[in-house]
Protein backbone atom coordinates (compact mmCIF):
# COMPACT_ATOMS: atom_id res chain seq x y z
CA MET A 1 0.06 -0.12 0.03
CA SER A 2 1.44 3.30 -1.08
CA HIS A 3 1.05 6.35 0.93
CA ARG A 4 2.22 9.89 0.95
CA ALA A 5 4.00 11.41 3.99
CA ARG A 6 2.34 14.55 5.63
CA LEU A 7 4.82 17.04 6.95
CA ASP A 8 3.92 20.30 8.59
CA VAL A 9 7.12 21.85 7.35
CA PRO A 10 6.95 25.24 5.56
CA ALA A 11 8.00 25.41 1.81
CA PRO A 12 10.97 27.87 2.68
CA THR A 13 12.30 25.62 5.21
CA LEU A 14 11.89 22.72 2.96
CA ARG A 15 13.76 24.44 0.05
CA THR A 16 16.53 25.56 2.15
CA VAL A 17 17.23 22.09 3.88
CA THR A 18 16.91 20.68 0.21
CA GLY A 19 19.71 22.90 -0.87
CA TRP A 20 22.04 22.18 2.04
CA ILE A 21 21.64 18.39 1.55
CA ALA A 22 22.10 18.53 -2.19
CA ALA A 23 25.08 20.64 -1.54
CA ALA A 24 26.57 18.06 0.86
CA ARG A 25 25.82 15.06 -1.60
CA ARG A 26 27.62 16.93 -4.22
CA GLY A 27 30.81 17.56 -2.16
CA ARG A 28 30.85 14.06 -0.96
CA ASP A 29 30.30 12.10 -3.87
CA ARG A 30 31.98 12.15 -7.47
CA ARG A 31 28.77 10.80 -8.91
CA PRO A 32 25.79 11.89 -6.73
CA TRP A 33 23.25 10.96 -9.49
CA GLN A 34 24.11 7.39 -8.86
CA ARG A 35 22.66 7.31 -5.25
CA ALA A 36 20.21 4.91 -4.30
CA ALA A 37 17.98 7.64 -3.17
CA THR A 38 17.01 10.95 -4.86
CA VAL A 39 17.70 14.33 -2.90
CA HIS A 40 13.88 14.53 -2.45
CA GLN A 41 13.81 11.02 -0.81
CA HIS A 42 16.83 11.87 1.37
CA VAL A 43 15.34 15.15 2.61
CA LEU A 44 11.97 13.50 3.15
CA LEU A 45 13.54 10.63 5.24
CA VAL A 46 15.51 13.03 7.46
CA LEU A 47 12.51 15.42 8.09
CA ARG A 48 10.14 12.63 8.90
CA TRP A 49 12.61 10.96 11.28
CA LEU A 50 13.09 14.57 12.88
CA ARG A 51 9.55 15.71 13.08
CA HIS A 52 7.59 12.50 13.76
CA ARG A 53 10.33 10.11 15.11
CA ALA A 54 9.44 7.78 12.49
CA ASP A 55 10.90 4.21 12.53
CA LEU A 56 14.07 4.21 10.28
CA ALA A 57 13.26 0.76 8.80
CA ASP A 58 9.82 2.23 7.77
CA LEU A 59 11.44 5.26 6.23
CA ALA A 60 14.30 2.98 4.28
CA HIS A 61 11.32 1.01 3.05
CA ASP A 62 9.60 3.87 1.68
CA ALA A 63 12.83 5.18 0.04
CA HIS A 64 13.56 1.75 -1.38
CA ILE A 65 16.96 1.58 0.26
CA SER A 66 18.50 -0.69 2.93
CA ILE A 67 18.60 0.32 6.44
CA ALA A 68 22.25 0.57 6.68
CA THR A 69 21.90 3.07 3.63
CA ALA A 70 19.22 4.90 5.67
CA TYR A 71 21.32 5.44 8.77
CA ARG A 72 24.16 6.69 6.49
CA TYR A 73 21.72 9.20 4.96
CA LEU A 74 20.27 10.07 8.13
CA HIS A 75 23.79 11.20 9.59
CA GLU A 76 24.80 12.81 6.45
CA ALA A 77 21.78 14.96 6.43
CA LEU A 78 22.19 15.83 10.16
CA ASP A 79 25.74 16.87 9.69
CA ALA A 80 24.84 19.11 6.72
CA ILE A 81 22.31 20.93 8.89
CA ALA A 82 23.85 21.11 12.19
CA ALA A 83 26.84 22.64 10.45
CA HIS A 84 24.64 26.02 10.22
CA ALA A 85 24.15 26.21 13.89
CA PRO A 86 25.90 29.51 15.32
CA ASP A 87 28.82 29.82 17.57
CA LEU A 88 28.26 30.85 21.07
CA HIS A 89 30.39 33.95 20.84
CA ASP A 90 28.85 35.11 17.70
CA VAL A 91 25.42 34.89 19.45
CA LEU A 92 26.42 36.86 22.30
CA HIS A 93 27.96 39.54 20.15
CA ILE A 94 24.78 39.90 18.23
CA ALA A 95 22.83 39.84 21.45
CA ARG A 96 24.77 42.79 22.79
CA GLU A 97 24.43 44.66 19.29
CA LYS A 98 20.75 44.32 19.53
CA ARG A 99 20.76 45.59 23.06
CA LEU A 100 18.71 42.72 24.47
CA ALA A 101 17.66 43.42 27.95
CA TYR A 102 18.80 40.08 29.32
CA LEU A 103 19.26 36.42 28.16
CA CYS A 104 17.76 33.21 29.83
CA LEU A 105 19.93 29.95 30.52
CA ASP A 106 18.03 26.70 31.28
CA GLY A 107 18.86 23.05 30.86
CA THR A 108 16.89 20.24 29.52
CA LEU A 109 17.19 16.42 29.59
CA VAL A 110 16.96 14.55 26.46
CA ALA A 111 15.81 10.97 27.10
CA THR A 112 18.08 8.23 25.75
CA ASP A 113 18.18 4.28 26.10
CA ARG A 114 20.17 2.93 28.97
CA VAL A 115 23.97 2.84 28.46
CA THR A 116 26.97 1.29 30.00
CA ALA A 117 29.15 4.27 30.64
CA ARG A 118 29.96 4.93 34.36
CA THR A 119 31.27 7.85 36.29
CA GLU A 120 34.52 7.91 38.45
CA ARG A 121 32.58 6.93 41.42
CA GLY A 122 30.90 3.82 39.43
CA ASN A 123 27.42 5.38 39.05
CA ASP A 124 25.57 5.32 35.77
CA ALA A 125 26.78 8.22 33.90
CA TRP A 126 23.70 8.82 31.89
CA TYR A 127 21.06 8.34 34.47
CA SER A 128 19.69 11.66 35.87
CA GLY A 129 18.54 11.40 39.61
CA LYS A 130 16.48 14.54 39.35
CA HIS A 131 14.33 13.19 36.35
CA HIS A 132 14.68 9.58 37.29
CA ARG A 133 15.65 8.62 33.66
CA HIS A 134 18.44 8.14 31.58
CA GLY A 135 19.17 10.99 29.18
CA GLY A 136 21.75 13.83 28.32
CA ASN A 137 21.76 17.18 29.66
CA VAL A 138 21.73 20.26 27.04
CA GLN A 139 21.89 23.80 27.88
CA VAL A 140 19.88 26.23 26.01
CA LEU A 141 20.34 29.96 25.87
CA ALA A 142 17.19 32.07 25.05
CA ASP A 143 16.19 35.63 24.39
CA PRO A 144 13.45 37.43 26.40
CA ASP A 145 10.88 36.54 23.76
CA GLY A 146 11.36 32.83 24.33
CA HIS A 147 13.34 32.27 21.07
CA PRO A 148 16.30 29.89 21.39
CA LEU A 149 19.67 31.66 20.62
CA TRP A 150 22.03 28.73 21.17
CA VAL A 151 22.05 25.03 22.32
CA SER A 152 25.17 23.54 24.04
CA ALA A 153 26.84 19.91 23.28
CA VAL A 154 25.46 17.15 25.33
CA ARG A 155 26.66 15.99 28.62
CA PRO A 156 25.80 12.95 30.48
CA GLY A 157 22.52 13.16 32.45
CA ALA A 158 24.13 12.37 35.82
CA ARG A 159 25.76 15.99 35.75
CA HIS A 160 23.95 18.88 37.12
CA ASP A 161 22.95 21.93 35.09
CA LEU A 162 25.53 24.08 36.94
CA ALA A 163 28.37 21.78 36.22
CA CYS A 164 27.50 21.60 32.60
CA ALA A 165 26.99 25.34 32.38
CA ARG A 166 30.38 25.92 34.05
CA GLU A 167 32.21 23.87 31.26
CA LEU A 168 30.06 24.87 28.16
CA VAL A 169 28.52 28.33 28.68
CA LEU A 170 29.65 30.41 31.59
CA PRO A 171 33.44 31.09 30.52
CA ALA A 172 32.09 32.76 27.43
CA LEU A 173 29.10 34.42 29.16
CA TYR A 174 31.19 36.02 31.92
CA PRO A 175 32.74 39.04 29.80
CA PHE A 176 29.18 40.00 28.70
CA CYS A 177 27.54 39.47 31.99
CA ARG A 178 30.23 41.89 33.94
CA LEU A 179 28.64 45.21 34.81
CA ALA A 180 30.55 47.72 32.80
CA PRO A 181 30.49 51.46 32.74
CA ASP A 182 28.49 51.39 29.31
CA ARG A 183 25.25 50.09 30.43
CA HIS A 184 24.44 49.06 26.91
CA SER A 185 27.35 46.58 26.92
CA HIS A 186 25.83 44.72 30.19
CA LEU A 187 24.14 41.62 29.34
CA PRO A 188 22.64 39.91 32.53
CA VAL A 189 21.49 36.24 32.28
CA LEU A 190 18.44 35.01 34.40
CA ALA A 191 18.44 31.21 35.44
CA ASP A 192 16.50 29.12 37.88
CA LYS A 193 17.93 27.87 41.29
CA GLY A 194 19.81 25.09 39.77
CA TYR A 195 22.26 27.69 38.82
CA VAL A 196 23.08 29.18 42.22
CA GLY A 197 26.57 29.95 42.67
CA ALA A 198 27.14 30.47 38.85
CA GLY A 199 29.07 33.44 39.31
CA ILE A 200 28.81 37.24 38.55
CA GLY A 201 26.05 38.45 36.19
CA VAL A 202 23.82 35.35 36.36
CA ARG A 203 20.85 36.23 38.25
CA VAL A 204 19.01 33.43 40.30
CA PRO A 205 16.12 33.38 42.55
CA TYR A 206 16.52 33.68 46.33
CA ARG A 207 16.24 30.30 48.21
CA ARG A 208 14.31 29.78 51.40
CA PRO A 209 16.47 29.96 54.37
CA ALA A 210 17.40 26.92 56.43
CA GLY A 211 14.95 25.99 58.85
CA GLY A 212 11.93 26.49 56.62
CA GLN A 213 11.81 30.33 57.46
CA ARG A 214 9.86 32.57 54.98
CA LEU A 215 11.60 34.95 52.90
CA ASP A 216 11.33 38.64 53.47
CA ARG A 217 9.16 40.90 51.50
CA THR A 218 12.02 42.11 49.41
CA ALA A 219 13.29 38.77 48.46
CA ARG A 220 9.80 37.46 47.65
CA THR A 221 9.23 40.55 45.41
CA TYR A 222 12.40 40.00 43.68
CA ASN A 223 11.59 36.43 42.96
CA ARG A 224 8.17 37.28 41.58
CA CYS A 225 9.88 39.62 39.19
CA HIS A 226 12.49 37.09 38.19
CA ALA A 227 9.89 34.39 37.42
CA ALA A 228 7.83 36.79 35.56
CA LEU A 229 10.90 37.78 33.34
CA ARG A 230 11.90 34.27 32.70
CA ALA A 231 8.34 32.92 32.04
CA PRO A 232 8.35 33.84 28.17
CA ALA A 233 11.70 32.16 27.91
CA GLU A 234 10.54 28.90 28.85
CA ARG A 235 8.98 28.39 25.60
CA ALA A 236 12.50 28.04 23.90
CA ILE A 237 12.74 24.55 24.89
CA SER A 238 9.20 23.87 23.77
CA LEU A 239 10.00 25.14 20.61
CA LEU A 240 12.96 22.85 20.25
CA GLY A 241 10.69 19.97 21.28
CA HIS A 242 8.43 20.58 18.11
CA TRP A 243 11.15 18.29 16.52
CA ARG A 244 10.03 14.93 18.21
CA ALA A 245 13.33 13.17 17.62
CA LEU A 246 14.54 15.02 20.87
CA ASP A 247 11.62 12.99 22.63
CA HIS A 248 13.76 9.99 22.96
CA VAL A 249 17.10 9.41 21.15
CA THR A 250 17.94 5.75 20.41
CA LEU A 251 21.17 6.53 18.56
CA ASP A 252 24.43 6.88 20.33
CA PRO A 253 23.85 9.38 23.17
CA GLY A 254 26.60 11.68 21.81
CA ALA A 255 24.44 12.04 18.82
CA ILE A 256 22.15 14.29 20.79
CA THR A 257 24.58 17.23 20.22
CA LYS A 258 24.08 16.96 16.46
CA ILE A 259 20.41 16.43 16.79
CA ALA A 260 19.89 19.26 19.19
CA SER A 261 21.71 21.50 16.83
CA VAL A 262 19.56 20.48 13.91
CA ALA A 263 16.47 20.98 15.84
CA PHE A 264 17.70 24.70 16.64
CA VAL A 265 18.55 25.46 13.16
CA LEU A 266 15.25 24.28 11.75
CA THR A 267 13.58 26.13 14.39
CA HIS A 268 15.23 29.32 13.48
CA LEU A 269 14.23 28.77 9.88
CA GLN A 270 10.78 28.82 10.86
CA LEU A 271 10.67 31.79 12.99
CA PRO A 272 9.49 35.19 11.55
CA THR A 273 12.47 37.55 10.64
CA ARG A 274 13.04 40.00 13.58
């Protein structure tokens, strides 16, 4: 029984991705026209996998190629799209030039299958005690409107948000977060309580004092304002989740870096020009 895949991907995004994949195929092969699948089938395979998390065996059957070839096509396409993800330093320079009021930093766990990697203490490296499941930690930087600006490489789920941020994000953020005489060059970052102790320029809510004592009025007011400013930025991770391949990754957990970058690039292609 033949069928036509239905994708809710805008035509401009489809044309852009098709151009990237076609260029990658030409650069990789001396005879790209002798491939088992056409560019259209290649693009359809990767977008169906990203958008609907379709089974790769079914995708290979629809494209009339082997499963091994389908995996090769998938990784080729992911590499071609992920190559257009921006660098963190470039993102920060653009944010300062646009004079954004602040940025938001948050982490998310991308679920994975169980793996055998262990920490130095012998614990399961990819098991998150906070979420009670296996996954990889990805840091997301967003603007005040809730649009993702950058996604980090993946780190094992057993690591806390603050540890991942200190390795991947904070060293680049500090020069921009530091309060300068020129107010326009100051770019504060808002984060949740998981980033307490992140350092200068990273604003987090006040924690309740030990013993269950209530926060004073000033601290409660600050926390309400902080939560109100961060609320729109919470949608950044939801926008990335539009690509259901991030719901649960059954590939090598290290591939989450590439998949998250692809989801970011495709999300930006569909956002209105600002």
